[in-house]
Amino acid sequence: MTSDGSFQQAKRSQTSFLAALEKRALLWIAQRLPARVNSDHLTILGFLSLLASGALFWYSRVNRAAVPLAILFLALNWFGDSLDGTVARVRNKQRPRYGFYVDHILDAVGMFFLMSGLALSGFMTPAVAYAFLIAYFLLSIEIYLATYTIGTFHLSHWNFGPTELRILLAVGSAVAIFRPYSIIAGRSFLLFDVGFSVGTVGLVLILAQAVILHTRALYQLERHDPVA
């Protein structure tokens, strides 16, 4: 909030590999989307698709044919979750506080169900799945705190954002159907355990970097000279 009580929207920072291409694609779709489809419809689609993807990964424990459907719902999640804000901006019907809150609380709930589905899928061990989820939530908390205190909403780190992560998960899922294990130093590990362990370490390093940079920036911004 500004001093006069009005709401000041945070600056968006998107520097992922696919950001420019994705932005053009989303604008093209938003300009052609039927008027009866609004941002709320897309937000709900993205949320329900994430729930469905998690449920299908869980069901893939008994039927691997569920994995392609889980990948399809990941694509639908991208469609709804990425397009809702673009549609609001194109139509000049933005609700920045409502949109930010609803979008990200549903993302958090959906991510919990997605990772729980993967934890129960047999493609990875629950400990690795929930370690990744905890790191993801910690980084999300840092991002939201930085949005409030710094005024910049970071949609990506190290050139990776949600879209790139969805693609990696989709490709890894397709490979895991046929080759669920990876051989490292002569030992067999679940492919997803390896991939998500690397991902967890990456999230922790990103978190550490962001905390250090933002703490330093805020300290310098609000540094007071000692009383004489």
Protein backbone atom coordinates (compact mmCIF):
# COMPACT_ATOMS: atom_id res chain seq x y z
CA MET A 1 0.00 0.00 0.00
CA THR A 2 1.18 3.55 -0.71
CA SER A 3 1.01 6.45 1.75
CA ASP A 4 -2.39 7.54 0.37
CA GLY A 5 -3.88 4.07 0.92
CA SER A 6 -3.87 3.00 -2.74
CA PHE A 7 -2.42 -0.31 -3.88
CA GLN A 8 0.91 -0.30 -5.71
CA GLN A 9 1.49 -3.39 -7.83
CA ALA A 10 4.94 -4.98 -7.63
CA LYS A 11 7.20 -5.03 -10.68
CA ARG A 12 7.29 -8.42 -12.38
CA SER A 13 10.71 -9.96 -13.13
CA GLN A 14 10.64 -12.81 -15.68
CA THR A 15 14.01 -13.87 -17.09
CA SER A 16 13.47 -17.54 -17.87
CA PHE A 17 14.74 -19.19 -21.06
CA LEU A 18 11.26 -19.35 -22.63
CA ALA A 19 9.91 -16.05 -21.25
CA ALA A 20 9.90 -14.10 -24.53
CA LEU A 21 8.43 -16.93 -26.59
CA GLU A 22 5.88 -17.74 -23.91
CA LYS A 23 4.78 -14.10 -23.63
CA ARG A 24 4.13 -13.87 -27.38
CA ALA A 25 2.21 -17.16 -27.35
CA LEU A 26 0.07 -16.11 -24.38
CA LEU A 27 -0.74 -12.73 -25.93
CA TRP A 28 -1.74 -14.45 -29.19
CA ILE A 29 -4.04 -16.84 -27.34
CA ALA A 30 -5.50 -14.17 -25.04
CA GLN A 31 -6.45 -11.94 -27.97
CA ARG A 32 -8.37 -14.82 -29.58
CA LEU A 33 -9.94 -16.37 -26.50
CA PRO A 34 -13.78 -16.24 -26.47
CA ALA A 35 -15.11 -13.39 -24.31
CA ARG A 36 -17.16 -15.82 -22.21
CA VAL A 37 -13.89 -17.35 -20.92
CA ASN A 38 -12.50 -15.11 -18.19
CA SER A 39 -9.51 -15.14 -15.84
CA ASP A 40 -11.37 -16.94 -13.06
CA HIS A 41 -12.23 -19.80 -15.43
CA LEU A 42 -8.57 -20.12 -16.37
CA THR A 43 -7.40 -20.01 -12.74
CA ILE A 44 -9.83 -22.81 -11.85
CA LEU A 45 -8.71 -24.81 -14.90
CA GLY A 46 -5.07 -24.49 -13.84
CA PHE A 47 -5.84 -25.53 -10.26
CA LEU A 48 -8.03 -28.51 -11.14
CA SER A 49 -5.51 -29.65 -13.74
CA LEU A 50 -2.77 -29.74 -11.10
CA LEU A 51 -5.00 -31.79 -8.81
CA ALA A 52 -5.81 -34.16 -11.67
CA SER A 53 -2.15 -34.52 -12.57
CA GLY A 54 -1.29 -35.45 -8.98
CA ALA A 55 -4.14 -37.97 -8.85
CA LEU A 56 -3.02 -39.54 -12.12
CA PHE A 57 0.58 -39.85 -10.96
CA TRP A 58 -0.73 -41.62 -7.85
CA TYR A 59 -2.87 -43.93 -10.01
CA SER A 60 0.13 -44.67 -12.26
CA ARG A 61 1.43 -46.88 -9.45
CA VAL A 62 -1.02 -49.55 -10.68
CA ASN A 63 -1.39 -48.43 -14.29
CA ARG A 64 1.45 -46.69 -16.13
CA ALA A 65 -1.02 -45.63 -18.83
CA ALA A 66 -2.05 -42.82 -16.46
CA VAL A 67 1.28 -41.02 -16.96
CA PRO A 68 0.49 -39.60 -20.44
CA LEU A 69 -2.77 -38.25 -19.03
CA ALA A 70 -0.86 -36.69 -16.13
CA ILE A 71 1.40 -34.97 -18.67
CA LEU A 72 -1.67 -33.72 -20.56
CA PHE A 73 -3.04 -32.16 -17.39
CA LEU A 74 0.34 -30.52 -16.75
CA ALA A 75 -0.11 -28.84 -20.14
CA LEU A 76 -3.63 -27.75 -19.17
CA ASN A 77 -2.23 -26.41 -15.91
CA TRP A 78 0.24 -24.31 -17.90
CA PHE A 79 -2.60 -23.06 -20.12
CA GLY A 80 -4.80 -21.96 -17.23
CA ASP A 81 -2.16 -20.81 -14.76
CA SER A 82 -0.10 -18.84 -17.29
CA LEU A 83 -2.98 -17.35 -19.26
CA ASP A 84 -5.25 -16.01 -16.50
CA GLY A 85 -3.13 -12.93 -15.78
CA THR A 86 -2.46 -12.27 -19.46
CA VAL A 87 -6.20 -12.31 -20.24
CA ALA A 88 -6.84 -9.84 -17.41
CA ARG A 89 -4.16 -7.49 -18.72
CA VAL A 90 -5.25 -7.75 -22.36
CA ARG A 91 -8.87 -7.02 -21.42
CA ASN A 92 -7.86 -4.35 -18.87
CA LYS A 93 -9.74 -6.17 -16.12
CA GLN A 94 -6.93 -6.58 -13.64
CA ARG A 95 -7.56 -7.32 -9.96
CA PRO A 96 -3.97 -7.31 -8.69
CA ARG A 97 -4.61 -8.12 -5.01
CA TYR A 98 -7.32 -10.72 -5.61
CA GLY A 99 -5.45 -12.24 -8.55
CA PHE A 100 -2.13 -12.46 -6.73
CA TYR A 101 -3.64 -13.99 -3.61
CA VAL A 102 -5.95 -16.52 -5.26
CA ASP A 103 -3.45 -17.56 -7.93
CA HIS A 104 -0.66 -18.32 -5.49
CA ILE A 105 -2.66 -19.92 -2.68
CA LEU A 106 -4.15 -22.30 -5.26
CA ASP A 107 -0.67 -22.93 -6.69
CA ALA A 108 0.54 -23.90 -3.21
CA VAL A 109 -2.36 -26.29 -2.62
CA GLY A 110 -2.03 -27.73 -6.12
CA MET A 111 1.71 -28.23 -5.71
CA PHE A 112 1.11 -30.16 -2.51
CA PHE A 113 -1.27 -32.53 -4.30
CA LEU A 114 1.05 -32.88 -7.31
CA MET A 115 4.07 -33.81 -5.19
CA SER A 116 1.95 -36.10 -3.01
CA GLY A 117 0.81 -37.90 -6.15
CA LEU A 118 4.42 -38.29 -7.25
CA ALA A 119 5.42 -39.48 -3.77
CA LEU A 120 2.84 -42.25 -4.00
CA SER A 121 3.46 -43.09 -7.66
CA GLY A 122 6.35 -45.48 -7.20
CA PHE A 123 8.46 -43.27 -9.48
CA MET A 124 10.19 -41.70 -6.47
CA THR A 125 10.50 -42.11 -2.72
CA PRO A 126 8.25 -39.96 -0.48
CA ALA A 127 11.24 -38.49 1.39
CA VAL A 128 12.68 -37.01 -1.80
CA ALA A 129 9.28 -35.75 -2.95
CA TYR A 130 8.55 -33.93 0.31
CA ALA A 131 12.10 -32.59 0.64
CA PHE A 132 11.59 -30.93 -2.76
CA LEU A 133 8.16 -29.67 -1.69
CA ILE A 134 9.55 -28.11 1.51
CA ALA A 135 12.33 -26.38 -0.45
CA TYR A 136 9.74 -25.18 -2.99
CA PHE A 137 7.51 -23.74 -0.26
CA LEU A 138 10.43 -22.03 1.47
CA LEU A 139 11.48 -20.39 -1.79
CA SER A 140 7.85 -19.37 -2.43
CA ILE A 141 7.70 -17.72 0.99
CA GLU A 142 10.90 -15.80 0.22
CA ILE A 143 9.51 -14.68 -3.14
CA TYR A 144 6.28 -13.40 -1.57
CA LEU A 145 8.15 -11.61 1.24
CA ALA A 146 10.46 -10.01 -1.31
CA THR A 147 7.45 -8.96 -3.39
CA TYR A 148 6.08 -7.08 -0.38
CA THR A 149 9.33 -5.62 0.94
CA ILE A 150 11.41 -5.10 -2.22
CA GLY A 151 8.56 -4.41 -4.63
CA THR A 152 9.68 -6.94 -7.26
CA PHE A 153 7.90 -10.21 -7.95
CA HIS A 154 10.45 -12.73 -9.21
CA LEU A 155 8.77 -15.22 -11.55
CA SER A 156 12.01 -17.02 -12.32
CA HIS A 157 15.51 -17.67 -10.96
CA TRP A 158 18.65 -18.71 -12.81
CA ASN A 159 16.67 -18.53 -16.10
CA PHE A 160 14.23 -21.16 -14.86
CA GLY A 161 10.57 -20.58 -14.14
CA PRO A 162 7.39 -22.62 -13.74
CA THR A 163 7.13 -23.33 -17.48
CA GLU A 164 10.62 -24.81 -17.69
CA LEU A 165 9.93 -26.93 -14.59
CA ARG A 166 6.72 -28.27 -16.13
CA ILE A 167 8.60 -29.22 -19.29
CA LEU A 168 11.32 -31.02 -17.30
CA LEU A 169 8.68 -32.92 -15.33
CA ALA A 170 6.80 -33.87 -18.51
CA VAL A 171 9.95 -35.08 -20.28
CA GLY A 172 11.14 -36.94 -17.17
CA SER A 173 7.74 -38.59 -16.80
CA ALA A 174 7.77 -39.78 -20.40
CA VAL A 175 11.25 -41.26 -19.94
CA ALA A 176 10.38 -42.84 -16.58
CA ILE A 177 7.56 -44.89 -18.14
CA PHE A 178 10.18 -46.96 -19.94
CA ARG A 179 13.30 -46.33 -17.82
CA PRO A 180 12.31 -45.57 -14.20
CA TYR A 181 15.84 -46.21 -12.90
CA SER A 182 19.17 -44.51 -13.46
CA ILE A 183 22.59 -46.11 -12.97
CA ILE A 184 25.14 -43.92 -11.16
CA ALA A 185 28.54 -45.26 -10.13
CA GLY A 186 27.28 -48.77 -10.64
CA ARG A 187 24.27 -48.30 -8.36
CA SER A 188 20.62 -48.15 -9.37
CA PHE A 189 18.51 -45.15 -8.31
CA LEU A 190 15.00 -44.09 -9.20
CA LEU A 191 15.27 -41.55 -12.02
CA PHE A 192 12.92 -39.13 -10.27
CA ASP A 193 14.87 -39.44 -7.02
CA VAL A 194 17.98 -38.30 -8.86
CA GLY A 195 16.24 -35.49 -10.73
CA PHE A 196 14.29 -34.14 -7.76
CA SER A 197 17.31 -34.40 -5.46
CA VAL A 198 19.24 -32.19 -7.89
CA GLY A 199 16.20 -29.91 -8.06
CA THR A 200 16.01 -29.67 -4.27
CA VAL A 201 19.67 -28.68 -4.02
CA GLY A 202 19.08 -26.08 -6.74
CA LEU A 203 16.10 -24.60 -4.89
CA VAL A 204 18.07 -24.42 -1.65
CA LEU A 205 20.95 -22.62 -3.38
CA ILE A 206 18.53 -20.19 -5.05
CA LEU A 207 16.88 -19.58 -1.69
CA ALA A 208 20.22 -18.92 0.02
CA GLN A 209 21.28 -16.50 -2.72
CA ALA A 210 17.96 -14.63 -2.63
CA VAL A 211 17.95 -14.35 1.17
CA ILE A 212 21.48 -12.94 1.22
CA LEU A 213 20.86 -10.46 -1.60
CA HIS A 214 17.51 -9.24 -0.30
CA THR A 215 18.66 -9.01 3.32
CA ARG A 216 21.64 -6.93 2.23
CA ALA A 217 19.45 -4.72 0.02
CA LEU A 218 16.91 -4.08 2.77
CA TYR A 219 19.63 -3.42 5.35
CA GLN A 220 21.21 -0.79 3.08
CA LEU A 221 17.80 0.69 2.26
CA GLU A 222 16.81 1.16 5.88
CA ARG A 223 20.21 1.66 7.42
CA HIS A 224 20.31 4.34 10.11
CA ASP A 225 23.37 6.20 11.27
CA PRO A 226 24.24 5.48 14.91
CA VAL A 227 23.14 8.08 17.44
CA ALA A 228 26.06 10.39 18.34
